[in-house]
Protein backbone atom coordinates (compact mmCIF):
# COMPACT_ATOMS: atom_id res chain seq x y z
CA MET A 1 16.89 -49.90 -66.39
CA ARG A 2 17.14 -46.68 -68.00
CA ILE A 3 13.38 -46.00 -67.38
CA PHE A 4 14.20 -46.85 -63.69
CA ARG A 5 17.35 -44.42 -63.71
CA THR A 6 15.13 -41.58 -65.20
CA VAL A 7 12.58 -41.82 -62.58
CA LEU A 8 15.15 -41.75 -59.84
CA ALA A 9 16.70 -38.75 -61.48
CA VAL A 10 13.23 -37.00 -61.63
CA LEU A 11 12.52 -37.95 -57.97
CA ALA A 12 15.90 -36.36 -57.10
CA ALA A 13 15.48 -33.20 -58.72
CA ALA A 14 12.10 -32.78 -57.03
CA THR A 15 13.68 -33.45 -53.73
CA LEU A 16 16.30 -30.56 -54.28
CA VAL A 17 13.52 -28.25 -55.51
CA ALA A 18 11.41 -29.12 -52.29
CA ALA A 19 14.47 -28.16 -50.04
CA PRO A 20 14.40 -24.87 -48.10
CA ALA A 21 16.50 -22.40 -49.77
CA ASP A 22 17.97 -21.61 -46.25
CA ALA A 23 18.53 -25.27 -45.41
CA GLY A 24 21.80 -25.87 -43.40
CA GLN A 25 22.11 -22.11 -42.60
CA PRO A 26 21.98 -20.42 -39.17
CA ARG A 27 18.56 -19.31 -38.30
CA PRO A 28 18.31 -15.29 -37.72
CA PRO A 29 18.29 -14.29 -33.98
CA ASP A 30 14.82 -14.53 -32.39
CA ALA A 31 14.61 -10.79 -31.42
CA ALA A 32 11.03 -11.07 -30.35
CA GLY A 33 11.71 -14.12 -27.97
CA ALA A 34 14.99 -12.19 -26.61
CA LEU A 35 12.37 -9.28 -25.87
CA LEU A 36 9.65 -11.33 -24.32
CA ALA A 37 12.35 -12.91 -22.23
CA ALA A 38 12.84 -9.82 -20.45
CA PHE A 39 9.58 -10.13 -18.90
CA ASP A 40 10.84 -13.21 -16.88
CA THR A 41 13.03 -10.62 -14.83
CA HIS A 42 11.18 -7.57 -15.18
CA SER A 43 7.72 -6.19 -14.91
CA ILE A 44 8.24 -3.65 -17.75
CA VAL A 45 9.89 -3.64 -20.96
CA ALA A 46 10.14 -0.27 -22.00
CA LYS A 47 10.88 0.41 -25.80
CA SER A 48 11.30 3.47 -27.92
CA SER A 49 8.40 4.52 -30.18
CA PRO A 50 6.91 4.70 -32.71
CA ASP A 51 8.72 1.78 -34.33
CA VAL A 52 11.28 2.53 -37.18
CA GLY A 53 10.11 -0.82 -39.04
CA THR A 54 7.31 -3.70 -38.54
CA PHE A 55 8.91 -5.34 -35.63
CA LEU A 56 6.33 -4.12 -32.91
CA PHE A 57 3.34 -5.17 -34.94
CA ASP A 58 5.08 -8.53 -35.64
CA LEU A 59 5.66 -8.80 -31.91
CA VAL A 60 1.95 -8.05 -31.08
CA ARG A 61 0.91 -10.61 -33.56
CA ASP A 62 3.46 -13.43 -32.13
CA PRO A 63 1.39 -16.12 -30.36
CA ARG A 64 3.82 -15.90 -27.40
CA PHE A 65 2.99 -12.27 -26.60
CA PRO A 66 -0.39 -12.50 -24.76
CA GLY A 67 1.07 -14.99 -22.56
CA ARG A 68 3.98 -12.58 -21.41
CA VAL A 69 2.20 -9.27 -21.47
CA ASP A 70 -0.69 -8.04 -19.87
CA ASP A 71 -0.78 -4.02 -20.90
CA ILE A 72 0.64 -1.83 -23.67
CA ALA A 73 1.26 1.60 -22.30
CA VAL A 74 1.52 4.47 -24.88
CA GLU A 75 2.30 7.78 -25.31
CA CYS A 76 -0.09 9.18 -27.70
CA GLY A 77 -3.37 8.48 -25.72
CA ASN A 78 -5.36 10.77 -23.60
CA SER A 79 -5.92 9.04 -20.13
CA LEU A 80 -9.21 11.01 -19.46
CA LEU A 81 -10.43 8.74 -22.63
CA GLN A 82 -9.47 5.36 -21.05
CA PRO A 83 -12.92 4.18 -20.83
CA LEU A 84 -13.37 4.91 -24.63
CA LEU A 85 -10.22 3.05 -25.63
CA ASP A 86 -11.04 0.02 -23.04
CA ALA A 87 -14.29 -0.23 -25.04
CA TYR A 88 -12.85 0.03 -28.54
CA ILE A 89 -9.68 -2.52 -27.45
CA ALA A 90 -12.57 -4.96 -26.04
CA GLY A 91 -14.18 -4.87 -29.57
CA GLY A 92 -17.07 -2.55 -28.64
CA ASP A 93 -18.81 -0.27 -31.33
CA VAL A 94 -16.90 3.19 -30.78
CA PRO A 95 -17.66 5.60 -33.47
CA ASP A 96 -14.85 7.87 -32.81
CA VAL A 97 -11.78 6.24 -31.06
CA SER A 98 -9.46 8.64 -32.98
CA ARG A 99 -10.44 11.18 -30.28
CA VAL A 100 -7.85 8.91 -27.95
CA TRP A 101 -4.58 9.91 -29.97
CA ARG A 102 -6.00 13.15 -31.27
CA ASP A 103 -7.02 14.84 -28.21
CA THR A 104 -3.47 14.63 -26.52
CA THR A 105 -1.32 17.53 -25.36
CA GLN A 106 1.03 16.42 -28.46
CA PRO A 107 -0.41 17.96 -31.83
CA SER A 108 2.11 15.36 -33.67
CA CYS A 109 0.04 12.52 -32.20
CA GLY A 110 -3.00 13.27 -33.97
CA PHE A 111 -1.26 12.59 -37.42
CA SER A 112 0.15 9.39 -36.30
CA THR A 113 -0.40 6.35 -38.27
CA PHE A 114 1.46 4.10 -35.88
CA TYR A 115 -1.20 4.26 -32.92
CA GLU A 116 -3.99 4.05 -35.29
CA GLN A 117 -2.99 0.70 -36.51
CA LEU A 118 -1.44 -0.50 -33.26
CA PHE A 119 -5.12 0.09 -31.60
CA ALA A 120 -6.82 -1.62 -34.32
CA LEU A 121 -4.15 -4.66 -34.28
CA VAL A 122 -4.59 -5.30 -30.48
CA ARG A 123 -8.40 -5.10 -30.79
CA GLN A 124 -8.07 -7.97 -33.62
CA VAL A 125 -5.96 -10.06 -31.52
CA ASN A 126 -8.14 -9.75 -28.31
CA THR A 127 -10.82 -11.62 -30.44
CA THR A 128 -8.66 -14.78 -30.71
CA LEU A 129 -8.06 -14.70 -26.87
CA PRO A 130 -9.89 -15.73 -23.78
CA ALA A 131 -10.84 -13.01 -21.27
CA ALA A 132 -8.12 -13.62 -18.89
CA ARG A 133 -5.55 -13.14 -21.53
CA LYS A 134 -6.88 -10.11 -23.21
CA ILE A 135 -4.55 -7.23 -23.80
CA ARG A 136 -5.14 -3.85 -22.43
CA VAL A 137 -3.80 -0.65 -23.83
CA LEU A 138 -3.10 2.15 -21.30
CA ALA A 139 -3.26 5.78 -22.31
CA CYS A 140 -0.78 7.61 -20.26
CA ASP A 141 -0.87 11.40 -21.60
CA PRO A 142 -2.42 13.84 -19.34
CA PRO A 143 -6.02 13.80 -18.82
CA ILE A 144 -6.57 17.18 -20.73
CA ASP A 145 -10.13 18.26 -21.91
CA TRP A 146 -9.52 20.63 -24.76
CA SER A 147 -13.15 21.85 -24.62
CA ARG A 148 -12.11 23.45 -21.63
CA ILE A 149 -8.79 25.00 -22.58
CA HIS A 150 -9.16 28.55 -23.62
CA THR A 151 -6.08 30.23 -22.04
CA PRO A 152 -2.47 29.37 -21.57
CA ALA A 153 -2.94 29.10 -17.80
CA ASP A 154 -5.86 26.33 -18.59
CA VAL A 155 -3.07 24.07 -20.02
CA GLU A 156 -0.49 24.45 -17.40
CA PRO A 157 -1.75 21.62 -15.31
CA PHE A 158 -1.09 19.30 -17.87
CA HIS A 159 2.53 20.20 -18.78
CA ASP A 160 4.06 17.33 -16.78
CA ARG A 161 3.46 14.27 -18.83
CA ASP A 162 6.11 12.17 -17.06
CA ALA A 163 4.10 12.51 -13.83
CA SER A 164 1.01 11.28 -15.82
CA ILE A 165 2.97 8.37 -17.36
CA VAL A 166 4.22 7.48 -13.86
CA SER A 167 0.56 7.56 -12.22
CA VAL A 168 -0.94 5.31 -14.86
CA VAL A 169 1.98 2.65 -14.97
CA LYS A 170 2.08 2.69 -10.98
CA THR A 171 -1.67 2.12 -10.43
CA GLN A 172 -2.37 0.12 -13.52
CA VAL A 173 0.64 -1.91 -13.78
CA LEU A 174 3.10 -2.20 -10.87
CA GLN A 175 0.40 -1.98 -7.95
CA LYS A 176 -1.65 -4.87 -9.64
CA HIS A 177 1.49 -7.01 -10.37
CA ARG A 178 0.91 -7.05 -14.12
CA LYS A 179 3.26 -7.06 -16.85
CA ALA A 180 3.66 -4.02 -19.45
CA LEU A 181 5.05 -3.21 -22.80
CA MET A 182 5.91 0.81 -22.77
CA LEU A 183 6.10 2.66 -26.04
CA PHE A 184 7.36 6.27 -25.65
CA GLY A 185 10.08 8.62 -26.69
CA LEU A 186 13.47 7.43 -25.29
CA GLY A 187 13.52 10.38 -23.29
CA HIS A 188 10.84 8.97 -20.93
CA LEU A 189 12.41 5.64 -20.61
CA THR A 190 16.07 5.59 -19.81
CA HIS A 191 16.91 4.85 -16.23
CA ASN A 192 19.71 6.69 -15.55
CA GLY A 193 18.56 8.78 -12.30
CA GLY A 194 16.72 11.48 -14.48
CA SER A 195 13.40 12.87 -14.49
CA GLY A 196 11.90 10.55 -17.16
CA ALA A 197 9.03 8.33 -16.42
CA VAL A 198 11.18 5.22 -15.93
CA ALA A 199 13.61 6.85 -13.76
CA GLN A 200 10.89 8.14 -11.37
CA LEU A 201 9.04 4.65 -11.33
CA GLU A 202 12.49 3.07 -10.46
CA ARG A 203 12.97 5.16 -7.41
CA GLU A 204 10.17 3.22 -5.88
CA TYR A 205 10.35 -0.11 -7.98
CA PRO A 206 13.94 -0.53 -8.34
CA GLY A 207 14.77 -2.57 -11.34
CA ALA A 208 11.40 -2.77 -12.62
CA ALA A 209 12.17 -2.01 -16.30
CA TYR A 210 14.28 -3.17 -19.17
CA VAL A 211 14.73 -0.64 -21.73
CA VAL A 212 15.40 -1.04 -25.48
CA ALA A 213 16.48 1.79 -27.83
CA ASP A 214 15.66 1.32 -31.61
CA HIS A 215 18.71 1.97 -33.68
CA ARG A 216 18.24 5.03 -35.92
CA GLY A 217 22.00 5.30 -36.84
CA PHE A 218 25.32 5.79 -35.17
CA THR A 219 26.67 9.23 -35.08
CA SER A 220 29.81 8.51 -36.85
CA ASP A 221 31.33 5.44 -38.78
CA ASN A 222 27.65 4.14 -39.25
CA ALA A 223 28.20 1.77 -42.14
CA ARG A 224 31.09 0.06 -40.47
CA LEU A 225 29.46 -0.39 -36.85
CA GLU A 226 26.18 -1.69 -38.19
CA LYS A 227 27.97 -4.67 -39.70
CA GLY A 228 28.43 -5.63 -36.14
CA LEU A 229 24.73 -5.74 -35.58
CA GLY A 230 23.88 -9.03 -37.41
CA PRO A 231 20.75 -9.74 -39.52
CA SER A 232 17.65 -7.72 -38.84
CA PRO A 233 15.65 -7.78 -36.52
CA SER A 234 18.12 -8.50 -33.87
CA LEU A 235 18.10 -7.38 -30.20
CA THR A 236 21.50 -7.13 -28.53
CA PRO A 237 21.99 -6.45 -24.86
CA LEU A 238 24.44 -3.74 -23.90
CA THR A 239 25.89 -5.78 -21.00
CA GLY A 240 28.36 -8.09 -22.33
CA SER A 241 28.46 -7.09 -25.88
CA TRP A 242 30.58 -4.92 -28.09
CA LEU A 243 28.04 -2.17 -27.81
CA GLY A 244 28.59 -1.86 -24.17
CA THR A 245 32.20 -1.05 -24.79
CA LEU A 246 31.65 1.32 -27.63
CA ASP A 247 32.37 5.00 -26.69
CA THR A 248 29.15 6.67 -26.01
CA THR A 249 29.56 9.41 -28.33
CA TYR A 250 28.70 6.85 -30.99
CA PHE A 251 25.03 6.86 -29.57
CA PRO A 252 22.46 9.73 -30.19
CA THR A 253 21.98 10.29 -26.65
CA ASN A 254 21.65 14.29 -26.75
CA ARG A 255 23.52 14.74 -23.59
CA ASP A 256 26.89 15.21 -22.71
CA TYR A 257 28.76 12.67 -20.43
CA PRO A 258 32.14 12.69 -19.28
CA PRO A 259 34.99 11.66 -21.30
CA GLY A 260 35.55 7.85 -21.55
CA THR A 261 31.90 6.90 -20.93
CA LYS A 262 30.99 3.60 -22.50
CA GLY A 263 27.83 2.22 -23.83
CA TYR A 264 24.38 3.58 -24.05
CA PRO A 265 23.56 5.21 -20.74
CA GLY A 266 20.38 4.37 -19.17
CA VAL A 267 19.42 1.61 -21.96
CA ASP A 268 19.63 -2.21 -21.63
CA ALA A 269 19.34 -3.51 -25.21
CA TYR A 270 19.56 -1.97 -28.79
CA LEU A 271 17.26 -3.23 -31.54
CA TYR A 272 18.37 -3.26 -35.02
CA GLU A 273 15.55 -3.32 -37.86
CA GLY A 274 17.77 -2.45 -40.70
CA PRO A 275 20.57 0.05 -42.11
CA ALA A 276 19.45 3.52 -40.96
CA GLU A 277 19.74 4.74 -44.05
CA LEU A 278 16.92 2.73 -45.37
CA LEU A 279 14.63 3.45 -42.37
CA LEU A 280 11.42 5.21 -43.33
CA ARG A 281 9.68 8.05 -41.19
CA GLU A 282 6.26 7.38 -39.98
CA PRO A 283 3.68 8.55 -42.71
CA LEU A 284 1.22 11.21 -41.62
CA SER A 285 -2.39 9.84 -41.47
CA ALA A 286 -4.47 10.95 -44.59
CA ARG A 287 -7.78 10.78 -42.27
CA ALA A 288 -6.43 13.33 -40.11
CA ILE A 289 -4.86 15.60 -42.87
CA LEU A 290 -8.49 15.62 -44.88
CA ASP A 291 -10.28 16.11 -41.73
CA THR A 292 -10.97 20.00 -42.09
CA ASP A 293 -13.00 20.03 -38.65
CA TYR A 294 -9.99 18.39 -36.63
CA LEU A 295 -7.41 21.08 -38.72
CA ASN A 296 -9.52 23.95 -37.43
CA GLU A 297 -9.82 22.51 -33.78
CA LEU A 298 -5.97 22.45 -33.69
CA ARG A 299 -5.94 26.00 -34.92
CA ARG A 300 -8.13 26.82 -32.14
CA ARG A 301 -6.12 25.30 -29.60
CA ALA A 302 -2.93 26.92 -31.00
CA THR A 303 -4.75 30.45 -30.62
CA ALA A 304 -6.00 29.53 -27.15
CA ILE A 305 -2.52 28.56 -25.63
CA ASP A 306 -1.14 31.83 -27.54
CA THR A 307 1.02 29.65 -29.91
CA PRO A 308 3.35 32.13 -31.98
CA PRO A 309 3.53 31.44 -35.66
CA GLY A 310 5.86 28.93 -36.77
CA GLY A 311 5.04 26.80 -33.77
CA LEU A 312 4.41 22.86 -34.35
CA GLU A 313 0.88 23.34 -32.64
CA TRP A 314 -0.09 25.00 -36.14
CA PRO A 315 -0.85 22.30 -38.35
CA GLU A 316 0.42 24.30 -41.35
CA THR A 317 3.93 24.44 -39.77
CA PHE A 318 3.93 20.72 -38.95
CA PHE A 319 2.89 19.88 -42.45
CA GLU A 320 5.75 22.00 -43.93
CA ARG A 321 8.32 20.17 -41.50
CA GLU A 322 7.33 16.88 -42.65
CA ARG A 323 7.15 17.84 -46.10
CA ALA A 324 10.76 18.94 -45.87
CA ALA A 325 12.03 16.11 -44.14
CA GLY A 326 11.20 13.75 -46.98
CA VAL A 327 10.50 10.15 -46.41
CA LEU A 328 13.72 8.69 -44.81
CA LEU A 329 14.88 9.09 -41.25
CA ARG A 330 18.27 9.88 -42.56
CA GLY A 331 17.52 11.98 -45.65
């Protein structure tokens, strides 16, 4: 009998050890599922980018993603080089795909690790998918050919970046009745009647987009307010939540609104990936920093368009800004 009781005790202990540590605890919110559900009623989910955490890469890896999303439209991609990007995303042998994000109108894109990793991830995910479900990445920056830029006048036709975004998304997504995840700075995405790309698209396609802003910190009382955002990652709609009743001055809108304005104007949902004080800045690409030919080309471009000393088109200025900023978003 003693041996029998001992065996029972050992089995009971083994059962306790094998039990999940979070058994009986509420599951964290399915932020990815909430974002993907927005495609049920919208052709576009427009999210601020680059991501402040791992949410977006995890989303692309999510097995539900390819069934809901046809295209990923990105800010750091030269639309002139769309054929090159298509070949790379399809798994082709493309020796210099970095041109896609290096040869844009925005020099900072050339040092991005976010797009470098995103394109490689989508390429890999596509190897597991049938042809009908493969994801396409759309380059939306103006189709500039830097080899033809020698004076400030040469670059003027490429200043209107929102027009380029609108053209690509309209012709490649909306007119083809496809679904797209748009990844851009929030200024291009809010649908509040402004001049941004989403606002322009919605004049012809009302309600086409669902706009998601990343949490990068409230402008005041941040520690207290963050406690209401729940475990990360979480996606909270503005409508029907406490965020929608919060005074607009708590959000980093970079605009002035009439007193009493509530919520985050032009935004539908708020993505929380952790406390703002712990969010990391995007690291610079070591490949780009060590590529002397590329740095010299950036200097040539800065000279060609008459960028004054201290302008961010000069790589030295850009590096110094990044060095001084540190590694945390809120340093």
